Amino acid sequence: MASTGKIARVAGPDWHGVPSSRSSPLFFPGISSTMTIAIGDLIIDNYGREGIVLARDKQPGPDWLAIQEDTRMPALASGTWWLVMPVDSGGGVSVPESLATFVRRATLEDAARVVAVRASSHVSLVKLFPDLKAPAAGIL
């Protein structure tokens, strides 16, 4: 097969019915490509934390960027940022796309791990994982 250097685009809803504009590369030897982060992905952030992508985030201000431990952050102010819920602590962190590493689509089991650590995370995750509404099923 001849290498064209192009990536295939995947349209339509992603897992859990969440619309995605993800560019999904077809991996062929000799073709380099990038993958865009999407809502519902499991990623590793620039501090090595696993997290579930919840939404696009607004670009942070220069004062916030200036106090970050990661000195690469101020240079990334104009890029795409994501609101990510760390799996090991819940809550939310702002992550620049260029410093995030795609792992795979997040699963119900990933969401259940977050809820086990911080029950209040259920409110945010139920939008991506409707099955979290069923505590009687032993998920929570």
Foldseek 3Di string as FASTA:
>chain_A
DDDPLDAQWDFDADPQRHGWRWGDGDDDPPHDDDTFDTQQFWKQALVRFTWGFQAWDQQDDPVVQVPDPPVCRNVQRPATWTWTAGLQAGDTDIGGRVRIGTDGGDDLLSVLSSCVRPVVNLVRCCSRVVVSVCVVVVSD
